[in-house]
Amino acid sequence: WDDVPLSWRCPDCGAGKEDFDMVEV
């Protein structure tokens, strides 16, 4: 996950990586 750039977008929901920072992956 640390390799994922901050500009990455979830292809399914369009949310940015920062939106997932507090979520268990």
PDB file of N, CA and C in Angstrom:
ATOM      1  N   TRP A   1       0.833  -1.211   0.000  1.00  0.00           N
ATOM      2  CA  TRP A   1       0.000   0.000   0.000  1.00  0.00           C
ATOM      3  C   TRP A   1       0.865   1.257   0.000  1.00  0.00           C
ATOM      4  N   ASP A   2       2.011   1.190   0.698  1.00  0.00           N
ATOM      5  CA  ASP A   2       2.905   2.346   0.761  1.00  0.00           C
ATOM      6  C   ASP A   2       3.447   2.711  -0.619  1.00  0.00           C
ATOM      7  N   ASP A   3       3.399   1.768  -1.547  1.00  0.00           N
ATOM      8  CA  ASP A   3       3.898   2.027  -2.895  1.00  0.00           C
ATOM      9  C   ASP A   3       2.878   2.740  -3.762  1.00  0.00           C
ATOM     10  N   VAL A   4       1.651   2.845  -3.259  1.00  0.00           N
ATOM     11  CA  VAL A   4       0.590   3.497  -4.028  1.00  0.00           C
ATOM     12  C   VAL A   4       0.751   5.013  -3.944  1.00  0.00           C
ATOM     13  N   PRO A   5       0.826   5.691  -5.097  1.00  0.00           N
ATOM     14  CA  PRO A   5       0.982   7.152  -5.091  1.00  0.00           C
ATOM     15  C   PRO A   5      -0.250   7.847  -4.547  1.00  0.00           C
ATOM     16  N   LEU A   6      -0.051   9.046  -3.969  1.00  0.00           N
ATOM     17  CA  LEU A   6      -1.168   9.794  -3.402  1.00  0.00           C
ATOM     18  C   LEU A   6      -2.177  10.188  -4.470  1.00  0.00           C
ATOM     19  N   SER A   7      -1.728  10.206  -5.729  1.00  0.00           N
ATOM     20  CA  SER A   7      -2.624  10.615  -6.816  1.00  0.00           C
ATOM     21  C   SER A   7      -3.486   9.459  -7.302  1.00  0.00           C
ATOM     22  N   TRP A   8      -3.260   8.274  -6.712  1.00  0.00           N
ATOM     23  CA  TRP A   8      -4.021   7.089  -7.113  1.00  0.00           C
ATOM     24  C   TRP A   8      -5.496   7.277  -6.809  1.00  0.00           C
ATOM     25  N   ARG A   9      -6.337   6.740  -7.689  1.00  0.00           N
ATOM     26  CA  ARG A   9      -7.788   6.804  -7.489  1.00  0.00           C
ATOM     27  C   ARG A   9      -8.371   5.401  -7.519  1.00  0.00           C
ATOM     28  N   CYS A  10      -9.292   5.140  -6.603  1.00  0.00           N
ATOM     29  CA  CYS A  10      -9.968   3.849  -6.612  1.00  0.00           C
ATOM     30  C   CYS A  10     -10.767   3.734  -7.906  1.00  0.00           C
ATOM     31  N   PRO A  11     -10.476   2.726  -8.743  1.00  0.00           N
ATOM     32  CA  PRO A  11     -11.165   2.594 -10.031  1.00  0.00           C
ATOM     33  C   PRO A  11     -12.662   2.352  -9.881  1.00  0.00           C
ATOM     34  N   ASP A  12     -13.073   1.773  -8.762  1.00  0.00           N
ATOM     35  CA  ASP A  12     -14.483   1.434  -8.570  1.00  0.00           C
ATOM     36  C   ASP A  12     -15.292   2.601  -8.014  1.00  0.00           C
ATOM     37  N   CYS A  13     -14.696   3.322  -7.040  1.00  0.00           N
ATOM     38  CA  CYS A  13     -15.475   4.367  -6.371  1.00  0.00           C
ATOM     39  C   CYS A  13     -14.938   5.765  -6.646  1.00  0.00           C
ATOM     40  N   GLY A  14     -13.730   5.861  -7.233  1.00  0.00           N
ATOM     41  CA  GLY A  14     -13.182   7.160  -7.587  1.00  0.00           C
ATOM     42  C   GLY A  14     -12.618   7.937  -6.401  1.00  0.00           C
ATOM     43  N   ALA A  15     -12.511   7.272  -5.244  1.00  0.00           N
ATOM     44  CA  ALA A  15     -11.978   7.941  -4.062  1.00  0.00           C
ATOM     45  C   ALA A  15     -10.452   7.983  -4.118  1.00  0.00           C
ATOM     46  N   GLY A  16      -9.870   9.029  -3.556  1.00  0.00           N
ATOM     47  CA  GLY A  16      -8.424   9.158  -3.528  1.00  0.00           C
ATOM     48  C   GLY A  16      -7.820   8.318  -2.419  1.00  0.00           C
ATOM     49  N   LYS A  17      -6.505   8.098  -2.508  1.00  0.00           N
ATOM     50  CA  LYS A  17      -5.831   7.282  -1.503  1.00  0.00           C
ATOM     51  C   LYS A  17      -6.030   7.852  -0.105  1.00  0.00           C
ATOM     52  N   GLU A  18      -6.012   9.180   0.012  1.00  0.00           N
ATOM     53  CA  GLU A  18      -6.147   9.791   1.332  1.00  0.00           C
ATOM     54  C   GLU A  18      -7.473   9.436   1.987  1.00  0.00           C
ATOM     55  N   ASP A  19      -8.473   9.098   1.164  1.00  0.00           N
ATOM     56  CA  ASP A  19      -9.780   8.723   1.700  1.00  0.00           C
ATOM     57  C   ASP A  19      -9.728   7.340   2.359  1.00  0.00           C
ATOM     58  N   PHE A  20      -8.675   6.585   2.019  1.00  0.00           N
ATOM     59  CA  PHE A  20      -8.571   5.224   2.524  1.00  0.00           C
ATOM     60  C   PHE A  20      -7.568   5.096   3.670  1.00  0.00           C
ATOM     61  N   ASP A  21      -6.857   6.185   3.979  1.00  0.00           N
ATOM     62  CA  ASP A  21      -5.786   6.133   4.972  1.00  0.00           C
ATOM     63  C   ASP A  21      -6.255   5.609   6.327  1.00  0.00           C
ATOM     64  N   MET A  22      -7.491   5.879   6.697  1.00  0.00           N
ATOM     65  CA  MET A  22      -7.987   5.462   8.000  1.00  0.00           C
ATOM     66  C   MET A  22      -8.747   4.137   7.928  1.00  0.00           C
ATOM     67  N   VAL A  23      -8.731   3.525   6.736  1.00  0.00           N
ATOM     68  CA  VAL A  23      -9.488   2.288   6.533  1.00  0.00           C
ATOM     69  C   VAL A  23      -8.554   1.086   6.484  1.00  0.00           C
ATOM     70  N   GLU A  24      -8.929   0.018   7.158  1.00  0.00           N
ATOM     71  CA  GLU A  24      -8.142  -1.214   7.072  1.00  0.00           C
ATOM     72  C   GLU A  24      -8.271  -1.790   5.665  1.00  0.00           C
ATOM     73  N   VAL A  25      -7.146  -2.074   5.045  1.00  0.00           N
ATOM     74  CA  VAL A  25      -7.173  -2.577   3.673  1.00  0.00           C
ATOM     75  C   VAL A  25      -7.035  -4.089   3.664  1.00  0.00           C
TER      76      VAL A  25
END
